[in-house]
Amino acid sequence: MKLLSLIGILTLIFTPPACAEQSGADKGGKLILNATGEVTGTPDLARISAGVISEAENAKLALASNRKQMNDVFAALKAAGVKEKDIQTTGINVNPVYAPYRANSGNRQRITGYRVTNQVRATVRKLDGLGEAIDALVDSGANSIGGISFGLSRADEAQDEARKKAIKALLAKAELYAQNAGVQLGQILEMREQSYGGPRPEITMARMSMAADSAPTPVAAGQVSTRITVSATFEILPTR
């Protein structure tokens, strides 16, 4: 009798309850999706990278020559309507210039002079005068134009609009999956955002050519787009 009682107790302990026997479908799951929102618009500002490259027989002379030309560049930018807060130095470098390498020279390179490079980035907020600003830079002595990029002065508003579109597309996609899969969505367990570093060129960023006579350098701003990608993990509720 004692043995039979012990077996009965062990049977009760190791028998799983009926509520634990659920199928995989009854346990629910997760749905991971992403969607992108995009807004395009006409840029209302441009950023120009420009500077002066000067060379001389020694570093002091090269720097002195560069200093004079850069002062003229700053003056030209301000005369073109660029505010001081929108002009920023991005790099100053002083490097030696070496004579061409010769195989029988004992592997010793000879310094023939020094090169000074001074670069600035300027934000032009009136695009109708962008061509004139470029011409003024060249006329003042700028001999290095690194490029032009276009943007939006209200970039935050464009990003928020792209976020709204991304979330709307994400929820619509989730509902589409749920309806066609025959499941029910629960709450959002996790959400992440991926941006693309501000407005991106949609068409050619700029078209530049040498100024002819008194005509300013032609520049085409095109369109810029702002993209935001949102990913989310949705809870799938247990089926009944």
C-alpha atoms as a PDB file:
ATOM      1  CA  MET A   1       0.000   0.000   0.000  1.00  0.00           C
ATOM      2  CA  LYS A   2       2.808   2.402   0.827  1.00  0.00           C
ATOM      3  CA  LEU A   3       4.450   1.728  -2.571  1.00  0.00           C
ATOM      4  CA  LEU A   4       1.204   2.362  -4.455  1.00  0.00           C
ATOM      5  CA  SER A   5       0.642   5.633  -2.579  1.00  0.00           C
ATOM      6  CA  LEU A   6       4.140   6.835  -3.442  1.00  0.00           C
ATOM      7  CA  ILE A   7       3.602   6.061  -7.140  1.00  0.00           C
ATOM      8  CA  GLY A   8       0.345   8.011  -7.078  1.00  0.00           C
ATOM      9  CA  ILE A   9       2.022  11.063  -5.546  1.00  0.00           C
ATOM     10  CA  LEU A  10       4.847  11.041  -8.132  1.00  0.00           C
ATOM     11  CA  THR A  11       2.268  10.754 -10.925  1.00  0.00           C
ATOM     12  CA  LEU A  12       0.516  13.901  -9.688  1.00  0.00           C
ATOM     13  CA  ILE A  13       3.810  15.833  -9.437  1.00  0.00           C
ATOM     14  CA  PHE A  14       5.147  15.075 -12.938  1.00  0.00           C
ATOM     15  CA  THR A  15       1.899  15.229 -14.926  1.00  0.00           C
ATOM     16  CA  PRO A  16       1.748  18.611 -16.767  1.00  0.00           C
ATOM     17  CA  PRO A  17      -1.435  20.583 -16.260  1.00  0.00           C
ATOM     18  CA  ALA A  18      -3.890  20.764 -19.145  1.00  0.00           C
ATOM     19  CA  CYS A  19      -3.404  24.542 -19.503  1.00  0.00           C
ATOM     20  CA  ALA A  20       0.273  24.051 -20.393  1.00  0.00           C
ATOM     21  CA  GLU A  21      -0.542  21.986 -23.488  1.00  0.00           C
ATOM     22  CA  GLN A  22      -0.845  24.811 -26.052  1.00  0.00           C
ATOM     23  CA  SER A  23      -0.032  24.736 -29.731  1.00  0.00           C
ATOM     24  CA  GLY A  24       2.564  27.093 -31.254  1.00  0.00           C
ATOM     25  CA  ALA A  25      -0.219  29.165 -32.827  1.00  0.00           C
ATOM     26  CA  ASP A  26      -1.894  29.712 -29.465  1.00  0.00           C
ATOM     27  CA  LYS A  27       1.292  31.202 -27.985  1.00  0.00           C
ATOM     28  CA  GLY A  28       1.297  34.175 -30.348  1.00  0.00           C
ATOM     29  CA  GLY A  29       4.536  35.664 -31.705  1.00  0.00           C
ATOM     30  CA  LYS A  30       6.149  38.760 -33.160  1.00  0.00           C
ATOM     31  CA  LEU A  31       6.008  40.616 -36.467  1.00  0.00           C
ATOM     32  CA  ILE A  32       9.000  42.775 -37.464  1.00  0.00           C
ATOM     33  CA  LEU A  33       8.510  45.313 -40.258  1.00  0.00           C
ATOM     34  CA  ASN A  34       9.978  48.569 -41.580  1.00  0.00           C
ATOM     35  CA  ALA A  35       8.749  51.368 -43.825  1.00  0.00           C
ATOM     36  CA  THR A  36      10.230  54.545 -45.312  1.00  0.00           C
ATOM     37  CA  GLY A  37       8.708  57.999 -45.527  1.00  0.00           C
ATOM     38  CA  GLU A  38      10.026  60.477 -48.089  1.00  0.00           C
ATOM     39  CA  VAL A  39       9.468  64.188 -48.629  1.00  0.00           C
ATOM     40  CA  THR A  40      10.819  66.150 -51.593  1.00  0.00           C
ATOM     41  CA  GLY A  41      11.152  69.887 -51.833  1.00  0.00           C
ATOM     42  CA  THR A  42      12.946  72.790 -53.453  1.00  0.00           C
ATOM     43  CA  PRO A  43      16.144  73.746 -51.575  1.00  0.00           C
ATOM     44  CA  ASP A  44      16.407  77.246 -50.193  1.00  0.00           C
ATOM     45  CA  LEU A  45      20.080  77.281 -49.173  1.00  0.00           C
ATOM     46  CA  ALA A  46      23.419  76.100 -50.521  1.00  0.00           C
ATOM     47  CA  ARG A  47      26.751  75.264 -48.916  1.00  0.00           C
ATOM     48  CA  ILE A  48      29.908  76.081 -50.847  1.00  0.00           C
ATOM     49  CA  SER A  49      33.337  74.671 -50.053  1.00  0.00           C
ATOM     50  CA  ALA A  50      36.078  76.988 -51.314  1.00  0.00           C
ATOM     51  CA  GLY A  51      39.594  78.016 -50.481  1.00  0.00           C
ATOM     52  CA  VAL A  52      43.043  79.075 -51.540  1.00  0.00           C
ATOM     53  CA  ILE A  53      46.106  76.967 -52.343  1.00  0.00           C
ATOM     54  CA  SER A  54      49.391  78.890 -52.196  1.00  0.00           C
ATOM     55  CA  GLU A  55      52.964  77.800 -52.831  1.00  0.00           C
ATOM     56  CA  ALA A  56      56.308  79.491 -52.074  1.00  0.00           C
ATOM     57  CA  GLU A  57      59.931  78.593 -51.483  1.00  0.00           C
ATOM     58  CA  ASN A  58      59.439  78.565 -47.713  1.00  0.00           C
ATOM     59  CA  ALA A  59      56.511  78.070 -45.343  1.00  0.00           C
ATOM     60  CA  LYS A  60      56.470  81.681 -44.118  1.00  0.00           C
ATOM     61  CA  LEU A  61      56.108  83.152 -47.600  1.00  0.00           C
ATOM     62  CA  ALA A  62      53.469  80.580 -48.570  1.00  0.00           C
ATOM     63  CA  LEU A  63      51.453  81.347 -45.450  1.00  0.00           C
ATOM     64  CA  ALA A  64      51.735  85.110 -45.972  1.00  0.00           C
ATOM     65  CA  SER A  65      50.509  84.826 -49.554  1.00  0.00           C
ATOM     66  CA  ASN A  66      47.669  82.557 -48.513  1.00  0.00           C
ATOM     67  CA  ARG A  67      46.654  84.894 -45.699  1.00  0.00           C
ATOM     68  CA  LYS A  68      46.244  87.845 -48.064  1.00  0.00           C
ATOM     69  CA  GLN A  69      44.169  85.873 -50.563  1.00  0.00           C
ATOM     70  CA  MET A  70      41.969  84.351 -47.849  1.00  0.00           C
ATOM     71  CA  ASN A  71      41.232  87.805 -46.425  1.00  0.00           C
ATOM     72  CA  ASP A  72      40.004  88.768 -49.890  1.00  0.00           C
ATOM     73  CA  VAL A  73      37.880  85.588 -50.025  1.00  0.00           C
ATOM     74  CA  PHE A  74      36.228  86.416 -46.682  1.00  0.00           C
ATOM     75  CA  ALA A  75      35.565  89.961 -47.874  1.00  0.00           C
ATOM     76  CA  ALA A  76      34.027  88.685 -51.124  1.00  0.00           C
ATOM     77  CA  LEU A  77      31.705  86.322 -49.271  1.00  0.00           C
ATOM     78  CA  LYS A  78      30.482  89.079 -46.965  1.00  0.00           C
ATOM     79  CA  ALA A  79      30.003  91.428 -49.923  1.00  0.00           C
ATOM     80  CA  ALA A  80      27.859  88.716 -51.559  1.00  0.00           C
ATOM     81  CA  GLY A  81      25.539  88.770 -48.545  1.00  0.00           C
ATOM     82  CA  VAL A  82      26.915  85.788 -46.623  1.00  0.00           C
ATOM     83  CA  LYS A  83      26.754  86.456 -42.895  1.00  0.00           C
ATOM     84  CA  GLU A  84      29.784  85.926 -40.690  1.00  0.00           C
ATOM     85  CA  LYS A  85      28.026  83.161 -38.732  1.00  0.00           C
ATOM     86  CA  ASP A  86      27.610  81.230 -41.999  1.00  0.00           C
ATOM     87  CA  ILE A  87      31.349  81.183 -42.790  1.00  0.00           C
ATOM     88  CA  GLN A  88      33.452  78.485 -41.162  1.00  0.00           C
ATOM     89  CA  THR A  89      37.066  77.437 -41.675  1.00  0.00           C
ATOM     90  CA  THR A  90      37.225  73.692 -42.315  1.00  0.00           C
ATOM     91  CA  GLY A  91      40.982  73.184 -42.626  1.00  0.00           C
ATOM     92  CA  ILE A  92      44.402  74.806 -42.790  1.00  0.00           C
ATOM     93  CA  ASN A  93      47.360  72.700 -43.918  1.00  0.00           C
ATOM     94  CA  VAL A  94      51.042  73.481 -44.457  1.00  0.00           C
ATOM     95  CA  ASN A  95      52.912  70.756 -46.356  1.00  0.00           C
ATOM     96  CA  PRO A  96      56.308  70.486 -48.030  1.00  0.00           C
ATOM     97  CA  VAL A  97      56.551  70.177 -51.798  1.00  0.00           C
ATOM     98  CA  TYR A  98      59.088  67.595 -52.966  1.00  0.00           C
ATOM     99  CA  ALA A  99      61.063  67.402 -56.181  1.00  0.00           C
ATOM    100  CA  PRO A 100      60.133  64.540 -58.540  1.00  0.00           C
ATOM    101  CA  TYR A 101      61.550  61.209 -57.377  1.00  0.00           C
ATOM    102  CA  ARG A 102      64.590  59.902 -59.231  1.00  0.00           C
ATOM    103  CA  ALA A 103      65.746  56.308 -59.033  1.00  0.00           C
ATOM    104  CA  ASN A 104      69.485  57.137 -58.715  1.00  0.00           C
ATOM    105  CA  SER A 105      69.103  59.909 -56.130  1.00  0.00           C
ATOM    106  CA  GLY A 106      69.861  57.690 -53.137  1.00  0.00           C
ATOM    107  CA  ASN A 107      66.157  57.527 -52.148  1.00  0.00           C
ATOM    108  CA  ARG A 108      66.339  61.040 -50.701  1.00  0.00           C
ATOM    109  CA  GLN A 109      63.552  63.425 -51.611  1.00  0.00           C
ATOM    110  CA  ARG A 110      64.463  67.084 -51.865  1.00  0.00           C
ATOM    111  CA  ILE A 111      62.065  69.767 -50.579  1.00  0.00           C
ATOM    112  CA  THR A 112      61.575  72.470 -53.199  1.00  0.00           C
ATOM    113  CA  GLY A 113      58.982  74.595 -51.424  1.00  0.00           C
ATOM    114  CA  TYR A 114      55.865  74.605 -49.271  1.00  0.00           C
ATOM    115  CA  ARG A 115      52.146  74.494 -50.012  1.00  0.00           C
ATOM    116  CA  VAL A 116      49.472  76.082 -47.806  1.00  0.00           C
ATOM    117  CA  THR A 117      45.835  75.066 -48.193  1.00  0.00           C
ATOM    118  CA  ASN A 118      43.063  77.011 -46.475  1.00  0.00           C
ATOM    119  CA  GLN A 119      39.442  75.871 -46.926  1.00  0.00           C
ATOM    120  CA  VAL A 120      36.166  77.432 -45.767  1.00  0.00           C
ATOM    121  CA  ARG A 121      32.539  76.393 -45.973  1.00  0.00           C
ATOM    122  CA  ALA A 122      29.961  79.108 -46.585  1.00  0.00           C
ATOM    123  CA  THR A 123      26.191  78.851 -46.361  1.00  0.00           C
ATOM    124  CA  VAL A 124      24.382  80.945 -48.964  1.00  0.00           C
ATOM    125  CA  ARG A 125      20.754  81.575 -47.977  1.00  0.00           C
ATOM    126  CA  LYS A 126      19.717  83.478 -51.107  1.00  0.00           C
ATOM    127  CA  LEU A 127      20.017  81.114 -54.048  1.00  0.00           C
ATOM    128  CA  ASP A 128      19.197  83.783 -56.608  1.00  0.00           C
ATOM    129  CA  GLY A 129      22.652  85.240 -55.924  1.00  0.00           C
ATOM    130  CA  LEU A 130      24.554  81.950 -55.809  1.00  0.00           C
ATOM    131  CA  GLY A 131      26.140  82.372 -59.235  1.00  0.00           C
ATOM    132  CA  GLU A 132      27.385  85.840 -58.345  1.00  0.00           C
ATOM    133  CA  ALA A 133      28.816  84.526 -55.069  1.00  0.00           C
ATOM    134  CA  ILE A 134      30.797  81.845 -56.920  1.00  0.00           C
ATOM    135  CA  ASP A 135      32.153  84.408 -59.374  1.00  0.00           C
ATOM    136  CA  ALA A 136      33.103  86.718 -56.509  1.00  0.00           C
ATOM    137  CA  LEU A 137      35.000  83.894 -54.823  1.00  0.00           C
ATOM    138  CA  VAL A 138      37.059  83.184 -57.934  1.00  0.00           C
ATOM    139  CA  ASP A 139      37.661  86.877 -58.614  1.00  0.00           C
ATOM    140  CA  SER A 140      38.900  87.366 -55.029  1.00  0.00           C
ATOM    141  CA  GLY A 141      41.546  84.670 -55.400  1.00  0.00           C
ATOM    142  CA  ALA A 142      39.835  81.414 -54.460  1.00  0.00           C
ATOM    143  CA  ASN A 143      41.464  78.745 -56.629  1.00  0.00           C
ATOM    144  CA  SER A 144      39.863  75.694 -55.003  1.00  0.00           C
ATOM    145  CA  ILE A 145      36.104  75.062 -55.204  1.00  0.00           C
ATOM    146  CA  GLY A 146      35.364  71.803 -53.408  1.00  0.00           C
ATOM    147  CA  GLY A 147      31.723  71.528 -54.395  1.00  0.00           C
ATOM    148  CA  ILE A 148      28.178  72.674 -53.693  1.00  0.00           C
ATOM    149  CA  SER A 149      25.449  70.960 -51.704  1.00  0.00           C
ATOM    150  CA  PHE A 150      21.848  72.096 -51.363  1.00  0.00           C
ATOM    151  CA  GLY A 151      19.587  71.894 -48.336  1.00  0.00           C
ATOM    152  CA  LEU A 152      16.514  73.140 -46.524  1.00  0.00           C
ATOM    153  CA  SER A 153      16.508  75.849 -43.883  1.00  0.00           C
ATOM    154  CA  ARG A 154      13.614  74.048 -42.173  1.00  0.00           C
ATOM    155  CA  ALA A 155      15.060  70.572 -42.326  1.00  0.00           C
ATOM    156  CA  ASP A 156      13.400  69.564 -39.035  1.00  0.00           C
ATOM    157  CA  GLU A 157       9.946  70.131 -40.497  1.00  0.00           C
ATOM    158  CA  ALA A 158      10.774  67.991 -43.517  1.00  0.00           C
ATOM    159  CA  GLN A 159      12.065  65.218 -41.254  1.00  0.00           C
ATOM    160  CA  ASP A 160       8.897  65.294 -39.123  1.00  0.00           C
ATOM    161  CA  GLU A 161       6.750  65.040 -42.249  1.00  0.00           C
ATOM    162  CA  ALA A 162       8.838  62.084 -43.436  1.00  0.00           C
ATOM    163  CA  ARG A 163       8.385  60.449 -40.003  1.00  0.00           C
ATOM    164  CA  LYS A 164       4.612  60.794 -40.257  1.00  0.00           C
ATOM    165  CA  LYS A 165       4.621  59.162 -43.685  1.00  0.00           C
ATOM    166  CA  ALA A 166       6.910  56.366 -42.477  1.00  0.00           C
ATOM    167  CA  ILE A 167       4.706  55.547 -39.463  1.00  0.00           C
ATOM    168  CA  LYS A 168       1.524  55.651 -41.564  1.00  0.00           C
ATOM    169  CA  ALA A 169       3.069  53.270 -44.114  1.00  0.00           C
ATOM    170  CA  LEU A 170       4.357  51.012 -41.325  1.00  0.00           C
ATOM    171  CA  LEU A 171       0.941  50.648 -39.671  1.00  0.00           C
ATOM    172  CA  ALA A 172      -0.744  50.021 -43.013  1.00  0.00           C
ATOM    173  CA  LYS A 173       1.789  47.318 -43.830  1.00  0.00           C
ATOM    174  CA  ALA A 174       1.286  45.669 -40.430  1.00  0.00           C
ATOM    175  CA  GLU A 175      -2.504  45.622 -40.874  1.00  0.00           C
ATOM    176  CA  LEU A 176      -2.096  44.104 -44.338  1.00  0.00           C
ATOM    177  CA  TYR A 177       0.037  41.289 -42.961  1.00  0.00           C
ATOM    178  CA  ALA A 178      -2.344  40.651 -40.064  1.00  0.00           C
ATOM    179  CA  GLN A 179      -5.468  40.528 -42.224  1.00  0.00           C
ATOM    180  CA  ASN A 180      -3.993  38.184 -44.807  1.00  0.00           C
ATOM    181  CA  ALA A 181      -2.277  35.951 -42.226  1.00  0.00           C
ATOM    182  CA  GLY A 182      -5.414  35.667 -40.119  1.00  0.00           C
ATOM    183  CA  VAL A 183      -3.771  36.950 -36.937  1.00  0.00           C
ATOM    184  CA  GLN A 184      -4.453  39.784 -34.540  1.00  0.00           C
ATOM    185  CA  LEU A 185      -1.893  42.479 -33.777  1.00  0.00           C
ATOM    186  CA  GLY A 186      -1.136  43.573 -30.253  1.00  0.00           C
ATOM    187  CA  GLN A 187       0.950  46.464 -29.009  1.00  0.00           C
ATOM    188  CA  ILE A 188       4.230  47.705 -30.502  1.00  0.00           C
ATOM    189  CA  LEU A 189       7.053  46.129 -28.499  1.00  0.00           C
ATOM    190  CA  GLU A 190       9.931  48.091 -30.029  1.00  0.00           C
ATOM    191  CA  MET A 191      10.397  50.923 -32.529  1.00  0.00           C
ATOM    192  CA  ARG A 192      13.542  52.346 -34.135  1.00  0.00           C
ATOM    193  CA  GLU A 193      14.349  55.121 -36.571  1.00  0.00           C
ATOM    194  CA  GLN A 194      16.984  55.330 -39.269  1.00  0.00           C
ATOM    195  CA  SER A 195      17.639  58.685 -40.917  1.00  0.00           C
ATOM    196  CA  TYR A 196      19.857  59.488 -43.888  1.00  0.00           C
ATOM    197  CA  GLY A 197      21.762  62.509 -42.604  1.00  0.00           C
ATOM    198  CA  GLY A 198      19.485  65.279 -43.830  1.00  0.00           C
ATOM    199  CA  PRO A 199      18.161  66.230 -47.257  1.00  0.00           C
ATOM    200  CA  ARG A 200      19.673  64.334 -50.182  1.00  0.00           C
ATOM    201  CA  PRO A 201      19.958  65.510 -53.791  1.00  0.00           C
ATOM    202  CA  GLU A 202      17.089  64.211 -55.888  1.00  0.00           C
ATOM    203  CA  ILE A 203      18.290  65.690 -59.165  1.00  0.00           C
ATOM    204  CA  THR A 204      21.739  66.950 -60.118  1.00  0.00           C
ATOM    205  CA  MET A 205      23.107  68.985 -57.201  1.00  0.00           C
ATOM    206  CA  ALA A 206      24.624  71.727 -59.296  1.00  0.00           C
ATOM    207  CA  ARG A 207      25.528  72.624 -62.841  1.00  0.00           C
ATOM    208  CA  MET A 208      28.467  75.002 -63.165  1.00  0.00           C
ATOM    209  CA  SER A 209      30.312  76.466 -66.135  1.00  0.00           C
ATOM    210  CA  MET A 210      32.814  79.257 -66.634  1.00  0.00           C
ATOM    211  CA  ALA A 211      31.207  82.679 -66.539  1.00  0.00           C
ATOM    212  CA  ALA A 212      30.954  84.349 -69.907  1.00  0.00           C
ATOM    213  CA  ASP A 213      31.268  88.134 -70.102  1.00  0.00           C
ATOM    214  CA  SER A 214      29.122  89.629 -67.317  1.00  0.00           C
ATOM    215  CA  ALA A 215      26.743  86.655 -66.940  1.00  0.00           C
ATOM    216  CA  PRO A 216      26.992  84.887 -63.570  1.00  0.00           C
ATOM    217  CA  THR A 217      27.937  81.237 -63.344  1.00  0.00           C
ATOM    218  CA  PRO A 218      24.743  79.185 -63.970  1.00  0.00           C
ATOM    219  CA  VAL A 219      23.725  76.892 -61.100  1.00  0.00           C
ATOM    220  CA  ALA A 220      20.723  74.533 -60.954  1.00  0.00           C
ATOM    221  CA  ALA A 221      19.452  73.617 -57.485  1.00  0.00           C
ATOM    222  CA  GLY A 222      17.061  70.845 -58.536  1.00  0.00           C
ATOM    223  CA  GLN A 223      15.170  69.054 -55.749  1.00  0.00           C
ATOM    224  CA  VAL A 224      16.224  67.468 -52.461  1.00  0.00           C
ATOM    225  CA  SER A 225      14.561  64.581 -50.648  1.00  0.00           C
ATOM    226  CA  THR A 226      14.356  63.758 -46.965  1.00  0.00           C
ATOM    227  CA  ARG A 227      13.988  60.078 -46.042  1.00  0.00           C
ATOM    228  CA  ILE A 228      13.222  58.484 -42.687  1.00  0.00           C
ATOM    229  CA  THR A 229      12.946  54.707 -42.159  1.00  0.00           C
ATOM    230  CA  VAL A 230      11.055  53.363 -39.159  1.00  0.00           C
ATOM    231  CA  SER A 231      11.181  49.733 -38.006  1.00  0.00           C
ATOM    232  CA  ALA A 232       8.906  48.190 -35.376  1.00  0.00           C
ATOM    233  CA  THR A 233       8.264  44.888 -33.641  1.00  0.00           C
ATOM    234  CA  PHE A 234       4.540  44.121 -33.273  1.00  0.00           C
ATOM    235  CA  GLU A 235       3.110  41.665 -30.789  1.00  0.00           C
ATOM    236  CA  ILE A 236       0.923  38.914 -32.316  1.00  0.00           C
ATOM    237  CA  LEU A 237      -1.863  38.039 -29.900  1.00  0.00           C
ATOM    238  CA  PRO A 238      -2.665  34.356 -29.189  1.00  0.00           C
ATOM    239  CA  THR A 239      -5.418  32.929 -31.356  1.00  0.00           C
ATOM    240  CA  ARG A 240      -8.549  31.614 -29.679  1.00  0.00           C
END
